Amino acid sequence: MSLDARDIGAALETARTIVGEASALLEGAQDQAFDIRSKSNLFDLVTEWDTRSEELIRSRLQELTPDVPLLAEESGASGKT
């Protein structure tokens, strides 16, 4: 699959929009208590805000680019990767 400059520009604008939404979510969480859990060991931590922000990013990307497979840190792969 190759992308032309217009495709790359549109993808970049989509990414900026989604990052702005995730940033607003995290800014709203700044003064709130949150859960922390370990994944594979005591030093591999994930907060509920890690998970929430990833869910927001994943859902928005899937909404806007349903044919593009995703690989995320907390939830792994979706779509044909």
N, C-alpha and C. Protein backbone atom coordinates (compact mmCIF):
# COMPACT_ATOMS: atom_id res chain seq x y z
N MET A 1 0.84 -1.17 0.00
CA MET A 1 0.00 0.00 0.00
C MET A 1 0.89 1.24 0.00
N SER A 2 0.63 2.15 -0.91
CA SER A 2 1.40 3.39 -0.94
C SER A 2 0.45 4.56 -0.70
N LEU A 3 0.98 5.59 -0.09
CA LEU A 3 0.20 6.78 0.22
C LEU A 3 0.78 7.96 -0.52
N ASP A 4 -0.09 8.80 -1.05
CA ASP A 4 0.40 10.03 -1.66
C ASP A 4 0.37 11.14 -0.60
N ALA A 5 0.86 12.31 -0.96
CA ALA A 5 0.97 13.41 0.00
C ALA A 5 -0.38 13.79 0.59
N ARG A 6 -1.43 13.72 -0.21
CA ARG A 6 -2.77 14.05 0.28
C ARG A 6 -3.22 13.05 1.33
N ASP A 7 -2.98 11.75 1.08
CA ASP A 7 -3.33 10.71 2.06
C ASP A 7 -2.56 10.90 3.36
N ILE A 8 -1.28 11.20 3.24
CA ILE A 8 -0.45 11.40 4.43
C ILE A 8 -0.93 12.62 5.21
N GLY A 9 -1.27 13.69 4.51
CA GLY A 9 -1.78 14.89 5.17
C GLY A 9 -3.09 14.62 5.90
N ALA A 10 -3.98 13.87 5.27
CA ALA A 10 -5.26 13.53 5.90
C ALA A 10 -5.04 12.65 7.12
N ALA A 11 -4.13 11.68 7.01
CA ALA A 11 -3.83 10.80 8.15
C ALA A 11 -3.23 11.60 9.30
N LEU A 12 -2.36 12.54 9.00
CA LEU A 12 -1.75 13.37 10.03
C LEU A 12 -2.80 14.23 10.72
N GLU A 13 -3.71 14.80 9.96
CA GLU A 13 -4.77 15.62 10.55
C GLU A 13 -5.68 14.78 11.44
N THR A 14 -6.00 13.57 11.00
CA THR A 14 -6.80 12.65 11.82
C THR A 14 -6.08 12.35 13.12
N ALA A 15 -4.79 12.06 13.04
CA ALA A 15 -4.00 11.76 14.24
C ALA A 15 -3.98 12.95 15.18
N ARG A 16 -3.82 14.14 14.65
CA ARG A 16 -3.81 15.35 15.51
C ARG A 16 -5.14 15.52 16.24
N THR A 17 -6.23 15.30 15.54
CA THR A 17 -7.55 15.42 16.15
C THR A 17 -7.72 14.42 17.28
N ILE A 18 -7.35 13.19 17.03
CA ILE A 18 -7.50 12.13 18.04
C ILE A 18 -6.58 12.38 19.23
N VAL A 19 -5.36 12.82 18.98
CA VAL A 19 -4.44 13.14 20.07
C VAL A 19 -5.00 14.28 20.92
N GLY A 20 -5.62 15.25 20.30
CA GLY A 20 -6.26 16.34 21.04
C GLY A 20 -7.36 15.83 21.96
N GLU A 21 -8.16 14.89 21.47
CA GLU A 21 -9.22 14.31 22.28
C GLU A 21 -8.64 13.53 23.46
N ALA A 22 -7.61 12.75 23.21
CA ALA A 22 -6.98 11.97 24.29
C ALA A 22 -6.32 12.91 25.30
N SER A 23 -5.72 13.97 24.83
CA SER A 23 -5.10 14.95 25.71
C SER A 23 -6.14 15.59 26.62
N ALA A 24 -7.30 15.95 26.07
CA ALA A 24 -8.37 16.54 26.88
C ALA A 24 -8.86 15.55 27.92
N LEU A 25 -8.97 14.28 27.55
CA LEU A 25 -9.38 13.24 28.50
C LEU A 25 -8.39 13.17 29.66
N LEU A 26 -7.11 13.15 29.35
CA LEU A 26 -6.09 13.03 30.39
C LEU A 26 -5.97 14.30 31.23
N GLU A 27 -6.14 15.46 30.62
CA GLU A 27 -6.12 16.70 31.39
C GLU A 27 -7.27 16.72 32.40
N GLY A 28 -8.42 16.20 32.01
CA GLY A 28 -9.57 16.13 32.91
C GLY A 28 -9.35 15.17 34.07
N ALA A 29 -8.42 14.26 33.93
CA ALA A 29 -8.14 13.26 34.96
C ALA A 29 -7.05 13.68 35.92
N GLN A 30 -6.44 14.81 35.67
CA GLN A 30 -5.25 15.23 36.41
C GLN A 30 -5.41 15.20 37.92
N ASP A 31 -6.51 15.65 38.44
CA ASP A 31 -6.68 15.74 39.89
C ASP A 31 -7.54 14.62 40.46
N GLN A 32 -7.76 13.57 39.69
CA GLN A 32 -8.60 12.47 40.14
C GLN A 32 -7.75 11.29 40.61
N ALA A 33 -8.31 10.55 41.55
CA ALA A 33 -7.67 9.30 41.97
C ALA A 33 -7.84 8.29 40.84
N PHE A 34 -6.94 7.32 40.76
CA PHE A 34 -7.05 6.31 39.70
C PHE A 34 -6.43 5.01 40.16
N ASP A 35 -6.86 3.94 39.49
CA ASP A 35 -6.34 2.60 39.78
C ASP A 35 -5.06 2.36 39.01
N ILE A 36 -4.15 1.61 39.62
CA ILE A 36 -2.92 1.17 38.97
C ILE A 36 -2.83 -0.34 39.16
N ARG A 37 -2.48 -1.04 38.10
CA ARG A 37 -2.27 -2.48 38.22
C ARG A 37 -0.98 -2.85 37.51
N SER A 38 -0.45 -4.01 37.87
CA SER A 38 0.75 -4.48 37.18
C SER A 38 0.32 -5.44 36.09
N LYS A 39 1.09 -5.47 35.01
CA LYS A 39 0.78 -6.37 33.90
C LYS A 39 1.60 -7.64 34.05
N SER A 40 2.84 -7.61 33.66
CA SER A 40 3.65 -8.83 33.66
C SER A 40 4.55 -8.95 34.89
N ASN A 41 4.84 -7.81 35.53
CA ASN A 41 5.67 -7.83 36.74
C ASN A 41 5.41 -6.55 37.54
N LEU A 42 6.03 -6.42 38.68
CA LEU A 42 5.78 -5.27 39.55
C LEU A 42 6.23 -3.94 38.95
N PHE A 43 7.08 -3.99 37.94
CA PHE A 43 7.59 -2.76 37.34
C PHE A 43 6.87 -2.40 36.04
N ASP A 44 6.01 -3.28 35.57
CA ASP A 44 5.25 -3.07 34.33
C ASP A 44 3.84 -2.65 34.72
N LEU A 45 3.65 -1.34 34.92
CA LEU A 45 2.40 -0.81 35.46
C LEU A 45 1.52 -0.22 34.37
N VAL A 46 0.22 -0.28 34.60
CA VAL A 46 -0.75 0.35 33.71
C VAL A 46 -1.82 1.00 34.59
N THR A 47 -2.15 2.24 34.26
CA THR A 47 -3.20 2.94 35.02
C THR A 47 -4.51 2.84 34.25
N GLU A 48 -5.60 3.12 34.97
CA GLU A 48 -6.89 3.13 34.28
C GLU A 48 -6.91 4.21 33.20
N TRP A 49 -6.11 5.27 33.36
CA TRP A 49 -6.07 6.33 32.35
C TRP A 49 -5.26 5.90 31.13
N ASP A 50 -4.28 5.02 31.31
CA ASP A 50 -3.62 4.41 30.15
C ASP A 50 -4.67 3.67 29.32
N THR A 51 -5.47 2.87 30.01
CA THR A 51 -6.48 2.06 29.34
C THR A 51 -7.56 2.93 28.71
N ARG A 52 -8.05 3.91 29.44
CA ARG A 52 -9.11 4.78 28.91
C ARG A 52 -8.64 5.57 27.70
N SER A 53 -7.43 6.11 27.77
CA SER A 53 -6.94 6.89 26.62
C SER A 53 -6.71 5.98 25.42
N GLU A 54 -6.21 4.77 25.65
CA GLU A 54 -6.04 3.84 24.54
C GLU A 54 -7.38 3.46 23.93
N GLU A 55 -8.39 3.23 24.77
CA GLU A 55 -9.72 2.90 24.26
C GLU A 55 -10.28 4.03 23.41
N LEU A 56 -10.09 5.27 23.85
CA LEU A 56 -10.56 6.41 23.07
C LEU A 56 -9.84 6.46 21.72
N ILE A 57 -8.53 6.35 21.74
CA ILE A 57 -7.74 6.41 20.50
C ILE A 57 -8.13 5.27 19.57
N ARG A 58 -8.23 4.08 20.10
CA ARG A 58 -8.59 2.91 19.30
C ARG A 58 -9.98 3.07 18.68
N SER A 59 -10.95 3.48 19.48
CA SER A 59 -12.32 3.60 18.95
C SER A 59 -12.40 4.68 17.88
N ARG A 60 -11.72 5.81 18.09
CA ARG A 60 -11.74 6.87 17.08
C ARG A 60 -11.03 6.44 15.80
N LEU A 61 -9.90 5.76 15.92
CA LEU A 61 -9.21 5.28 14.72
C LEU A 61 -10.06 4.26 13.97
N GLN A 62 -10.69 3.35 14.69
CA GLN A 62 -11.53 2.35 14.03
C GLN A 62 -12.74 2.98 13.37
N GLU A 63 -13.28 4.03 13.99
CA GLU A 63 -14.41 4.76 13.44
C GLU A 63 -14.01 5.45 12.13
N LEU A 64 -12.85 6.07 12.13
CA LEU A 64 -12.40 6.86 10.98
C LEU A 64 -11.68 6.05 9.92
N THR A 65 -11.04 4.95 10.33
CA THR A 65 -10.28 4.13 9.39
C THR A 65 -10.58 2.65 9.66
N PRO A 66 -11.81 2.21 9.38
CA PRO A 66 -12.22 0.85 9.76
C PRO A 66 -11.43 -0.27 9.08
N ASP A 67 -10.80 0.00 7.96
CA ASP A 67 -10.07 -1.05 7.24
C ASP A 67 -8.60 -1.15 7.64
N VAL A 68 -8.16 -0.29 8.55
CA VAL A 68 -6.76 -0.28 8.95
C VAL A 68 -6.61 -1.07 10.25
N PRO A 69 -5.77 -2.12 10.25
CA PRO A 69 -5.55 -2.89 11.49
C PRO A 69 -4.80 -2.04 12.51
N LEU A 70 -5.04 -2.35 13.79
CA LEU A 70 -4.41 -1.59 14.87
C LEU A 70 -3.62 -2.51 15.78
N LEU A 71 -2.53 -1.99 16.31
CA LEU A 71 -1.75 -2.67 17.33
C LEU A 71 -1.53 -1.67 18.45
N ALA A 72 -2.04 -2.00 19.65
CA ALA A 72 -1.97 -1.08 20.78
C ALA A 72 -1.22 -1.72 21.94
N GLU A 73 -0.62 -0.89 22.77
CA GLU A 73 0.22 -1.39 23.86
C GLU A 73 -0.57 -2.21 24.87
N GLU A 74 -1.71 -1.73 25.32
CA GLU A 74 -2.44 -2.41 26.39
C GLU A 74 -3.36 -3.52 25.88
N SER A 75 -4.02 -3.31 24.75
CA SER A 75 -5.03 -4.28 24.29
C SER A 75 -4.60 -5.16 23.12
N GLY A 76 -3.43 -4.92 22.57
CA GLY A 76 -2.93 -5.78 21.51
C GLY A 76 -3.48 -5.43 20.14
N ALA A 77 -3.61 -6.45 19.30
CA ALA A 77 -3.97 -6.26 17.89
C ALA A 77 -5.46 -6.39 17.67
N SER A 78 -5.94 -5.68 16.64
CA SER A 78 -7.29 -5.86 16.14
C SER A 78 -7.25 -5.70 14.63
N GLY A 79 -8.17 -6.34 13.96
CA GLY A 79 -8.14 -6.33 12.51
C GLY A 79 -7.07 -7.28 12.01
N LYS A 80 -6.90 -7.33 10.72
CA LYS A 80 -5.91 -8.21 10.12
C LYS A 80 -4.56 -7.51 10.11
N THR A 81 -3.66 -7.93 11.02
CA THR A 81 -2.34 -7.30 11.10
C THR A 81 -1.29 -8.21 10.51
